[in-house]
Amino acid sequence: MLATSVPPLMSFAKVSGIHAVPLGLVWAFAAGGKIFVYQSGVMVTGYSYGYFEMKDMLRIGICLSIFESLALLVLVPFYWPLIGIR
């Protein structure tokens, strides 16, 4: 879904006069941690075959989302200036 949504998003940013790099980074980061099954077709398939339950997905998803948020909180102030975002 992320790969198919980025080109229209970049076109929208260009037409609207929005800086595309920060918008693209936020879009990609927002696709990170999965908390609910419906956020990914792969998760829906695994859930439908009974490989995990909703509580497992929620528990792992929250842990991964917290980890990802902390990692971004530390890395973004160093990374964004290197690519020209202030």
PDB file of N, CA and C in Angstrom:
ATOM      1  N   MET A   1       0.816  -1.181   0.000  1.00  0.00           N
ATOM      2  CA  MET A   1       0.000   0.000   0.000  1.00  0.00           C
ATOM      3  C   MET A   1       0.872   1.262   0.000  1.00  0.00           C
ATOM      4  N   LEU A   2       1.951   1.223   0.746  1.00  0.00           N
ATOM      5  CA  LEU A   2       2.825   2.385   0.819  1.00  0.00           C
ATOM      6  C   LEU A   2       3.441   2.686  -0.541  1.00  0.00           C
ATOM      7  N   ALA A   3       3.870   1.657  -1.242  1.00  0.00           N
ATOM      8  CA  ALA A   3       4.515   1.857  -2.549  1.00  0.00           C
ATOM      9  C   ALA A   3       3.540   2.425  -3.577  1.00  0.00           C
ATOM     10  N   THR A   4       2.281   2.068  -3.491  1.00  0.00           N
ATOM     11  CA  THR A   4       1.310   2.574  -4.458  1.00  0.00           C
ATOM     12  C   THR A   4       0.747   3.938  -4.071  1.00  0.00           C
ATOM     13  N   SER A   5       0.872   4.327  -2.815  1.00  0.00           N
ATOM     14  CA  SER A   5       0.311   5.610  -2.386  1.00  0.00           C
ATOM     15  C   SER A   5       1.315   6.765  -2.463  1.00  0.00           C
ATOM     16  N   VAL A   6       2.602   6.476  -2.532  1.00  0.00           N
ATOM     17  CA  VAL A   6       3.605   7.547  -2.553  1.00  0.00           C
ATOM     18  C   VAL A   6       3.557   8.373  -3.844  1.00  0.00           C
ATOM     19  N   PRO A   7       3.466   7.780  -5.042  1.00  0.00           N
ATOM     20  CA  PRO A   7       3.420   8.625  -6.241  1.00  0.00           C
ATOM     21  C   PRO A   7       2.254   9.629  -6.258  1.00  0.00           C
ATOM     22  N   PRO A   8       1.011   9.211  -5.938  1.00  0.00           N
ATOM     23  CA  PRO A   8      -0.054  10.220  -5.888  1.00  0.00           C
ATOM     24  C   PRO A   8       0.175  11.265  -4.787  1.00  0.00           C
ATOM     25  N   LEU A   9       0.771  10.845  -3.682  1.00  0.00           N
ATOM     26  CA  LEU A   9       1.067  11.779  -2.604  1.00  0.00           C
ATOM     27  C   LEU A   9       2.076  12.828  -3.053  1.00  0.00           C
ATOM     28  N   MET A  10       3.110  12.402  -3.766  1.00  0.00           N
ATOM     29  CA  MET A  10       4.112  13.345  -4.257  1.00  0.00           C
ATOM     30  C   MET A  10       3.516  14.287  -5.310  1.00  0.00           C
ATOM     31  N   SER A  11       2.628  13.776  -6.148  1.00  0.00           N
ATOM     32  CA  SER A  11       1.930  14.636  -7.115  1.00  0.00           C
ATOM     33  C   SER A  11       1.074  15.667  -6.393  1.00  0.00           C
ATOM     34  N   PHE A  12       0.374  15.225  -5.359  1.00  0.00           N
ATOM     35  CA  PHE A  12      -0.432  16.149  -4.556  1.00  0.00           C
ATOM     36  C   PHE A  12       0.443  17.221  -3.912  1.00  0.00           C
ATOM     37  N   ALA A  13       1.583  16.816  -3.374  1.00  0.00           N
ATOM     38  CA  ALA A  13       2.495  17.774  -2.734  1.00  0.00           C
ATOM     39  C   ALA A  13       2.991  18.798  -3.754  1.00  0.00           C
ATOM     40  N   LYS A  14       3.325  18.353  -4.954  1.00  0.00           N
ATOM     41  CA  LYS A  14       3.838  19.256  -5.991  1.00  0.00           C
ATOM     42  C   LYS A  14       2.772  20.265  -6.414  1.00  0.00           C
ATOM     43  N   VAL A  15       1.553  19.780  -6.626  1.00  0.00           N
ATOM     44  CA  VAL A  15       0.463  20.651  -7.054  1.00  0.00           C
ATOM     45  C   VAL A  15       0.077  21.635  -5.945  1.00  0.00           C
ATOM     46  N   SER A  16       0.114  21.179  -4.709  1.00  0.00           N
ATOM     47  CA  SER A  16      -0.311  22.002  -3.572  1.00  0.00           C
ATOM     48  C   SER A  16       0.785  22.922  -3.049  1.00  0.00           C
ATOM     49  N   GLY A  17       2.000  22.758  -3.543  1.00  0.00           N
ATOM     50  CA  GLY A  17       3.102  23.586  -3.077  1.00  0.00           C
ATOM     51  C   GLY A  17       3.655  23.162  -1.728  1.00  0.00           C
ATOM     52  N   ILE A  18       3.420  21.916  -1.367  1.00  0.00           N
ATOM     53  CA  ILE A  18       3.934  21.370  -0.105  1.00  0.00           C
ATOM     54  C   ILE A  18       5.305  20.750  -0.378  1.00  0.00           C
ATOM     55  N   HIS A  19       6.248  20.950   0.545  1.00  0.00           N
ATOM     56  CA  HIS A  19       7.577  20.359   0.392  1.00  0.00           C
ATOM     57  C   HIS A  19       7.433  18.835   0.473  1.00  0.00           C
ATOM     58  N   ALA A  20       7.842  18.130  -0.557  1.00  0.00           N
ATOM     59  CA  ALA A  20       7.579  16.702  -0.691  1.00  0.00           C
ATOM     60  C   ALA A  20       8.392  15.826   0.257  1.00  0.00           C
ATOM     61  N   VAL A  21       9.610  16.214   0.593  1.00  0.00           N
ATOM     62  CA  VAL A  21      10.466  15.355   1.417  1.00  0.00           C
ATOM     63  C   VAL A  21       9.888  15.150   2.825  1.00  0.00           C
ATOM     64  N   PRO A  22       9.566  16.212   3.566  1.00  0.00           N
ATOM     65  CA  PRO A  22       8.994  15.969   4.892  1.00  0.00           C
ATOM     66  C   PRO A  22       7.677  15.213   4.831  1.00  0.00           C
ATOM     67  N   LEU A  23       6.845  15.540   3.840  1.00  0.00           N
ATOM     68  CA  LEU A  23       5.567  14.834   3.702  1.00  0.00           C
ATOM     69  C   LEU A  23       5.794  13.352   3.435  1.00  0.00           C
ATOM     70  N   GLY A  24       6.732  13.030   2.560  1.00  0.00           N
ATOM     71  CA  GLY A  24       7.040  11.630   2.267  1.00  0.00           C
ATOM     72  C   GLY A  24       7.608  10.896   3.465  1.00  0.00           C
ATOM     73  N   LEU A  25       8.460  11.569   4.237  1.00  0.00           N
ATOM     74  CA  LEU A  25       9.020  10.926   5.427  1.00  0.00           C
ATOM     75  C   LEU A  25       7.948  10.654   6.468  1.00  0.00           C
ATOM     76  N   VAL A  26       7.066  11.623   6.695  1.00  0.00           N
ATOM     77  CA  VAL A  26       5.976  11.408   7.649  1.00  0.00           C
ATOM     78  C   VAL A  26       5.073  10.291   7.159  1.00  0.00           C
ATOM     79  N   TRP A  27       4.797  10.256   5.865  1.00  0.00           N
ATOM     80  CA  TRP A  27       3.949   9.208   5.288  1.00  0.00           C
ATOM     81  C   TRP A  27       4.585   7.832   5.493  1.00  0.00           C
ATOM     82  N   ALA A  28       5.866   7.723   5.260  1.00  0.00           N
ATOM     83  CA  ALA A  28       6.558   6.432   5.419  1.00  0.00           C
ATOM     84  C   ALA A  28       6.654   6.029   6.890  1.00  0.00           C
ATOM     85  N   PHE A  29       6.941   6.977   7.771  1.00  0.00           N
ATOM     86  CA  PHE A  29       7.027   6.659   9.202  1.00  0.00           C
ATOM     87  C   PHE A  29       5.667   6.248   9.753  1.00  0.00           C
ATOM     88  N   ALA A  30       4.609   6.862   9.253  1.00  0.00           N
ATOM     89  CA  ALA A  30       3.266   6.531   9.734  1.00  0.00           C
ATOM     90  C   ALA A  30       2.863   5.111   9.356  1.00  0.00           C
ATOM     91  N   ALA A  31       3.494   4.550   8.351  1.00  0.00           N
ATOM     92  CA  ALA A  31       3.192   3.184   7.935  1.00  0.00           C
ATOM     93  C   ALA A  31       3.976   2.168   8.750  1.00  0.00           C
ATOM     94  N   GLY A  32       4.699   2.600   9.752  1.00  0.00           N
ATOM     95  CA  GLY A  32       5.572   1.736  10.542  1.00  0.00           C
ATOM     96  C   GLY A  32       4.860   0.702  11.386  1.00  0.00           C
ATOM     97  N   GLY A  33       4.798   0.926  12.677  1.00  0.00           N
ATOM     98  CA  GLY A  33       4.253  -0.058  13.617  1.00  0.00           C
ATOM     99  C   GLY A  33       2.805  -0.408  13.342  1.00  0.00           C
ATOM    100  N   LYS A  34       2.516  -1.653  13.355  1.00  0.00           N
ATOM    101  CA  LYS A  34       1.155  -2.127  13.120  1.00  0.00           C
ATOM    102  C   LYS A  34       0.522  -2.522  14.453  1.00  0.00           C
ATOM    103  N   ILE A  35      -0.609  -1.905  14.772  1.00  0.00           N
ATOM    104  CA  ILE A  35      -1.304  -2.212  16.014  1.00  0.00           C
ATOM    105  C   ILE A  35      -2.523  -3.075  15.738  1.00  0.00           C
ATOM    106  N   PHE A  36      -3.190  -2.839  14.623  1.00  0.00           N
ATOM    107  CA  PHE A  36      -4.408  -3.560  14.297  1.00  0.00           C
ATOM    108  C   PHE A  36      -4.195  -4.446  13.076  1.00  0.00           C
ATOM    109  N   VAL A  37      -4.928  -5.540  13.011  1.00  0.00           N
ATOM    110  CA  VAL A  37      -4.771  -6.529  11.948  1.00  0.00           C
ATOM    111  C   VAL A  37      -5.054  -5.934  10.576  1.00  0.00           C
ATOM    112  N   TYR A  38      -6.048  -5.082  10.480  1.00  0.00           N
ATOM    113  CA  TYR A  38      -6.462  -4.569   9.171  1.00  0.00           C
ATOM    114  C   TYR A  38      -5.456  -3.600   8.546  1.00  0.00           C
ATOM    115  N   GLN A  39      -4.371  -3.273   9.221  1.00  0.00           N
ATOM    116  CA  GLN A  39      -3.386  -2.347   8.680  1.00  0.00           C
ATOM    117  C   GLN A  39      -2.491  -2.972   7.616  1.00  0.00           C
ATOM    118  N   SER A  40      -2.551  -4.264   7.428  1.00  0.00           N
ATOM    119  CA  SER A  40      -1.711  -4.921   6.445  1.00  0.00           C
ATOM    120  C   SER A  40      -2.403  -6.175   5.920  1.00  0.00           C
ATOM    121  N   GLY A  41      -2.308  -6.366   4.622  1.00  0.00           N
ATOM    122  CA  GLY A  41      -2.891  -7.567   4.031  1.00  0.00           C
ATOM    123  C   GLY A  41      -2.235  -8.839   4.542  1.00  0.00           C
ATOM    124  N   VAL A  42      -0.947  -8.765   4.811  1.00  0.00           N
ATOM    125  CA  VAL A  42      -0.232  -9.922   5.358  1.00  0.00           C
ATOM    126  C   VAL A  42      -0.772 -10.276   6.738  1.00  0.00           C
ATOM    127  N   MET A  43      -1.037  -9.264   7.549  1.00  0.00           N
ATOM    128  CA  MET A  43      -1.580  -9.502   8.884  1.00  0.00           C
ATOM    129  C   MET A  43      -2.980 -10.110   8.812  1.00  0.00           C
ATOM    130  N   VAL A  44      -3.789  -9.628   7.890  1.00  0.00           N
ATOM    131  CA  VAL A  44      -5.135 -10.171   7.721  1.00  0.00           C
ATOM    132  C   VAL A  44      -5.063 -11.647   7.357  1.00  0.00           C
ATOM    133  N   THR A  45      -4.152 -11.997   6.461  1.00  0.00           N
ATOM    134  CA  THR A  45      -3.999 -13.398   6.052  1.00  0.00           C
ATOM    135  C   THR A  45      -3.551 -14.266   7.218  1.00  0.00           C
ATOM    136  N   GLY A  46      -2.527 -13.824   7.950  1.00  0.00           N
ATOM    137  CA  GLY A  46      -2.059 -14.590   9.103  1.00  0.00           C
ATOM    138  C   GLY A  46      -3.124 -14.757  10.169  1.00  0.00           C
ATOM    139  N   TYR A  47      -3.887 -13.690  10.409  1.00  0.00           N
ATOM    140  CA  TYR A  47      -4.962 -13.748  11.402  1.00  0.00           C
ATOM    141  C   TYR A  47      -6.078 -14.689  10.963  1.00  0.00           C
ATOM    142  N   SER A  48      -6.425 -14.639   9.672  1.00  0.00           N
ATOM    143  CA  SER A  48      -7.522 -15.480   9.180  1.00  0.00           C
ATOM    144  C   SER A  48      -7.180 -16.964   9.238  1.00  0.00           C
ATOM    145  N   TYR A  49      -5.901 -17.315   9.145  1.00  0.00           N
ATOM    146  CA  TYR A  49      -5.498 -18.712   9.259  1.00  0.00           C
ATOM    147  C   TYR A  49      -5.247 -19.130  10.704  1.00  0.00           C
ATOM    148  N   GLY A  50      -5.406 -18.211  11.643  1.00  0.00           N
ATOM    149  CA  GLY A  50      -5.306 -18.544  13.059  1.00  0.00           C
ATOM    150  C   GLY A  50      -3.888 -18.607  13.608  1.00  0.00           C
ATOM    151  N   TYR A  51      -2.934 -17.966  12.939  1.00  0.00           N
ATOM    152  CA  TYR A  51      -1.557 -17.989  13.422  1.00  0.00           C
ATOM    153  C   TYR A  51      -1.354 -17.132  14.662  1.00  0.00           C
ATOM    154  N   PHE A  52      -2.208 -16.156  14.876  1.00  0.00           N
ATOM    155  CA  PHE A  52      -2.139 -15.321  16.072  1.00  0.00           C
ATOM    156  C   PHE A  52      -3.526 -14.771  16.361  1.00  0.00           C
ATOM    157  N   GLU A  53      -3.686 -14.258  17.586  1.00  0.00           N
ATOM    158  CA  GLU A  53      -4.953 -13.655  17.993  1.00  0.00           C
ATOM    159  C   GLU A  53      -4.818 -12.140  18.022  1.00  0.00           C
ATOM    160  N   MET A  54      -5.943 -11.470  18.123  1.00  0.00           N
ATOM    161  CA  MET A  54      -5.942 -10.014  18.120  1.00  0.00           C
ATOM    162  C   MET A  54      -5.133  -9.450  19.285  1.00  0.00           C
ATOM    163  N   LYS A  55      -5.222 -10.072  20.457  1.00  0.00           N
ATOM    164  CA  LYS A  55      -4.473  -9.566  21.619  1.00  0.00           C
ATOM    165  C   LYS A  55      -2.964  -9.677  21.393  1.00  0.00           C
ATOM    166  N   ASP A  56      -2.516 -10.708  20.671  1.00  0.00           N
ATOM    167  CA  ASP A  56      -1.090 -10.832  20.338  1.00  0.00           C
ATOM    168  C   ASP A  56      -0.646  -9.692  19.432  1.00  0.00           C
ATOM    169  N   MET A  57      -1.467  -9.412  18.432  1.00  0.00           N
ATOM    170  CA  MET A  57      -1.153  -8.339  17.491  1.00  0.00           C
ATOM    171  C   MET A  57      -1.107  -6.992  18.198  1.00  0.00           C
ATOM    172  N   LEU A  58      -2.060  -6.751  19.065  1.00  0.00           N
ATOM    173  CA  LEU A  58      -2.120  -5.485  19.792  1.00  0.00           C
ATOM    174  C   LEU A  58      -0.921  -5.328  20.719  1.00  0.00           C
ATOM    175  N   ARG A  59      -0.578  -6.380  21.429  1.00  0.00           N
ATOM    176  CA  ARG A  59       0.542  -6.326  22.375  1.00  0.00           C
ATOM    177  C   ARG A  59       1.880  -6.085  21.649  1.00  0.00           C
ATOM    178  N   ILE A  60       2.154  -6.843  20.627  1.00  0.00           N
ATOM    179  CA  ILE A  60       3.398  -6.680  19.877  1.00  0.00           C
ATOM    180  C   ILE A  60       3.406  -5.349  19.118  1.00  0.00           C
ATOM    181  N   GLY A  61       2.265  -4.980  18.548  1.00  0.00           N
ATOM    182  CA  GLY A  61       2.172  -3.728  17.805  1.00  0.00           C
ATOM    183  C   GLY A  61       2.437  -2.512  18.667  1.00  0.00           C
ATOM    184  N   ILE A  62       1.917  -2.514  19.886  1.00  0.00           N
ATOM    185  CA  ILE A  62       2.161  -1.385  20.785  1.00  0.00           C
ATOM    186  C   ILE A  62       3.636  -1.323  21.168  1.00  0.00           C
ATOM    187  N   CYS A  63       4.229  -2.468  21.471  1.00  0.00           N
ATOM    188  CA  CYS A  63       5.662  -2.493  21.815  1.00  0.00           C
ATOM    189  C   CYS A  63       6.514  -1.980  20.657  1.00  0.00           C
ATOM    190  N   LEU A  64       6.230  -2.446  19.445  1.00  0.00           N
ATOM    191  CA  LEU A  64       7.001  -2.002  18.282  1.00  0.00           C
ATOM    192  C   LEU A  64       6.765  -0.523  17.966  1.00  0.00           C
ATOM    193  N   SER A  65       5.546  -0.055  18.163  1.00  0.00           N
ATOM    194  CA  SER A  65       5.256   1.364  17.922  1.00  0.00           C
ATOM    195  C   SER A  65       6.001   2.252  18.908  1.00  0.00           C
ATOM    196  N   ILE A  66       6.055   1.836  20.163  1.00  0.00           N
ATOM    197  CA  ILE A  66       6.797   2.601  21.168  1.00  0.00           C
ATOM    198  C   ILE A  66       8.279   2.606  20.824  1.00  0.00           C
ATOM    199  N   PHE A  67       8.832   1.452  20.473  1.00  0.00           N
ATOM    200  CA  PHE A  67      10.244   1.368  20.094  1.00  0.00           C
ATOM    201  C   PHE A  67      10.536   2.251  18.881  1.00  0.00           C
ATOM    202  N   GLU A  68       9.677   2.175  17.869  1.00  0.00           N
ATOM    203  CA  GLU A  68       9.881   2.972  16.662  1.00  0.00           C
ATOM    204  C   GLU A  68       9.806   4.466  16.983  1.00  0.00           C
ATOM    205  N   SER A  69       8.855   4.861  17.821  1.00  0.00           N
ATOM    206  CA  SER A  69       8.727   6.271  18.196  1.00  0.00           C
ATOM    207  C   SER A  69       9.971   6.767  18.911  1.00  0.00           C
ATOM    208  N   LEU A  70      10.493   5.970  19.827  1.00  0.00           N
ATOM    209  CA  LEU A  70      11.707   6.368  20.545  1.00  0.00           C
ATOM    210  C   LEU A  70      12.913   6.445  19.614  1.00  0.00           C
ATOM    211  N   ALA A  71      13.019   5.487  18.701  1.00  0.00           N
ATOM    212  CA  ALA A  71      14.135   5.504  17.749  1.00  0.00           C
ATOM    213  C   ALA A  71      14.058   6.735  16.851  1.00  0.00           C
ATOM    214  N   LEU A  72      12.860   7.066  16.382  1.00  0.00           N
ATOM    215  CA  LEU A  72      12.707   8.253  15.544  1.00  0.00           C
ATOM    216  C   LEU A  72      12.973   9.528  16.327  1.00  0.00           C
ATOM    217  N   LEU A  73      12.551   9.551  17.566  1.00  0.00           N
ATOM    218  CA  LEU A  73      12.788  10.717  18.412  1.00  0.00           C
ATOM    219  C   LEU A  73      14.279  10.995  18.561  1.00  0.00           C
ATOM    220  N   VAL A  74      15.069   9.938  18.601  1.00  0.00           N
ATOM    221  CA  VAL A  74      16.516  10.088  18.733  1.00  0.00           C
ATOM    222  C   VAL A  74      17.181  10.376  17.382  1.00  0.00           C
ATOM    223  N   LEU A  75      16.752   9.697  16.324  1.00  0.00           N
ATOM    224  CA  LEU A  75      17.442   9.778  15.039  1.00  0.00           C
ATOM    225  C   LEU A  75      17.063  10.974  14.169  1.00  0.00           C
ATOM    226  N   VAL A  76      15.812  11.387  14.209  1.00  0.00           N
ATOM    227  CA  VAL A  76      15.354  12.446  13.306  1.00  0.00           C
ATOM    228  C   VAL A  76      16.129  13.757  13.473  1.00  0.00           C
ATOM    229  N   PRO A  77      16.407  14.225  14.693  1.00  0.00           N
ATOM    230  CA  PRO A  77      17.163  15.484  14.806  1.00  0.00           C
ATOM    231  C   PRO A  77      18.554  15.433  14.168  1.00  0.00           C
ATOM    232  N   PHE A  78      19.130  14.250  14.044  1.00  0.00           N
ATOM    233  CA  PHE A  78      20.442  14.111  13.412  1.00  0.00           C
ATOM    234  C   PHE A  78      20.332  13.874  11.910  1.00  0.00           C
ATOM    235  N   TYR A  79      19.300  13.141  11.487  1.00  0.00           N
ATOM    236  CA  TYR A  79      19.171  12.739  10.094  1.00  0.00           C
ATOM    237  C   TYR A  79      18.593  13.839   9.208  1.00  0.00           C
ATOM    238  N   TRP A  80      17.536  14.506   9.641  1.00  0.00           N
ATOM    239  CA  TRP A  80      16.866  15.482   8.792  1.00  0.00           C
ATOM    240  C   TRP A  80      17.780  16.625   8.366  1.00  0.00           C
ATOM    241  N   PRO A  81      18.633  17.195   9.243  1.00  0.00           N
ATOM    242  CA  PRO A  81      19.525  18.260   8.769  1.00  0.00           C
ATOM    243  C   PRO A  81      20.491  17.793   7.663  1.00  0.00           C
ATOM    244  N   LEU A  82      20.840  16.514   7.685  1.00  0.00           N
ATOM    245  CA  LEU A  82      21.740  15.993   6.650  1.00  0.00           C
ATOM    246  C   LEU A  82      21.090  15.992   5.272  1.00  0.00           C
ATOM    247  N   ILE A  83      19.760  15.899   5.224  1.00  0.00           N
ATOM    248  CA  ILE A  83      19.084  15.907   3.926  1.00  0.00           C
ATOM    249  C   ILE A  83      18.426  17.256   3.630  1.00  0.00           C
ATOM    250  N   GLY A  84      18.704  18.255   4.476  1.00  0.00           N
ATOM    251  CA  GLY A  84      18.248  19.602   4.190  1.00  0.00           C
ATOM    252  C   GLY A  84      16.954  20.032   4.829  1.00  0.00           C
ATOM    253  N   ILE A  85      16.448  19.267   5.779  1.00  0.00           N
ATOM    254  CA  ILE A  85      15.218  19.634   6.478  1.00  0.00           C
ATOM    255  C   ILE A  85      15.602  20.209   7.832  1.00  0.00           C
ATOM    256  N   ARG A  86      15.081  21.357   8.143  1.00  0.00           N
ATOM    257  CA  ARG A  86      15.397  21.985   9.437  1.00  0.00           C
ATOM    258  C   ARG A  86      14.177  22.167  10.261  1.00  0.00           C
TER     259      ARG A  86
END
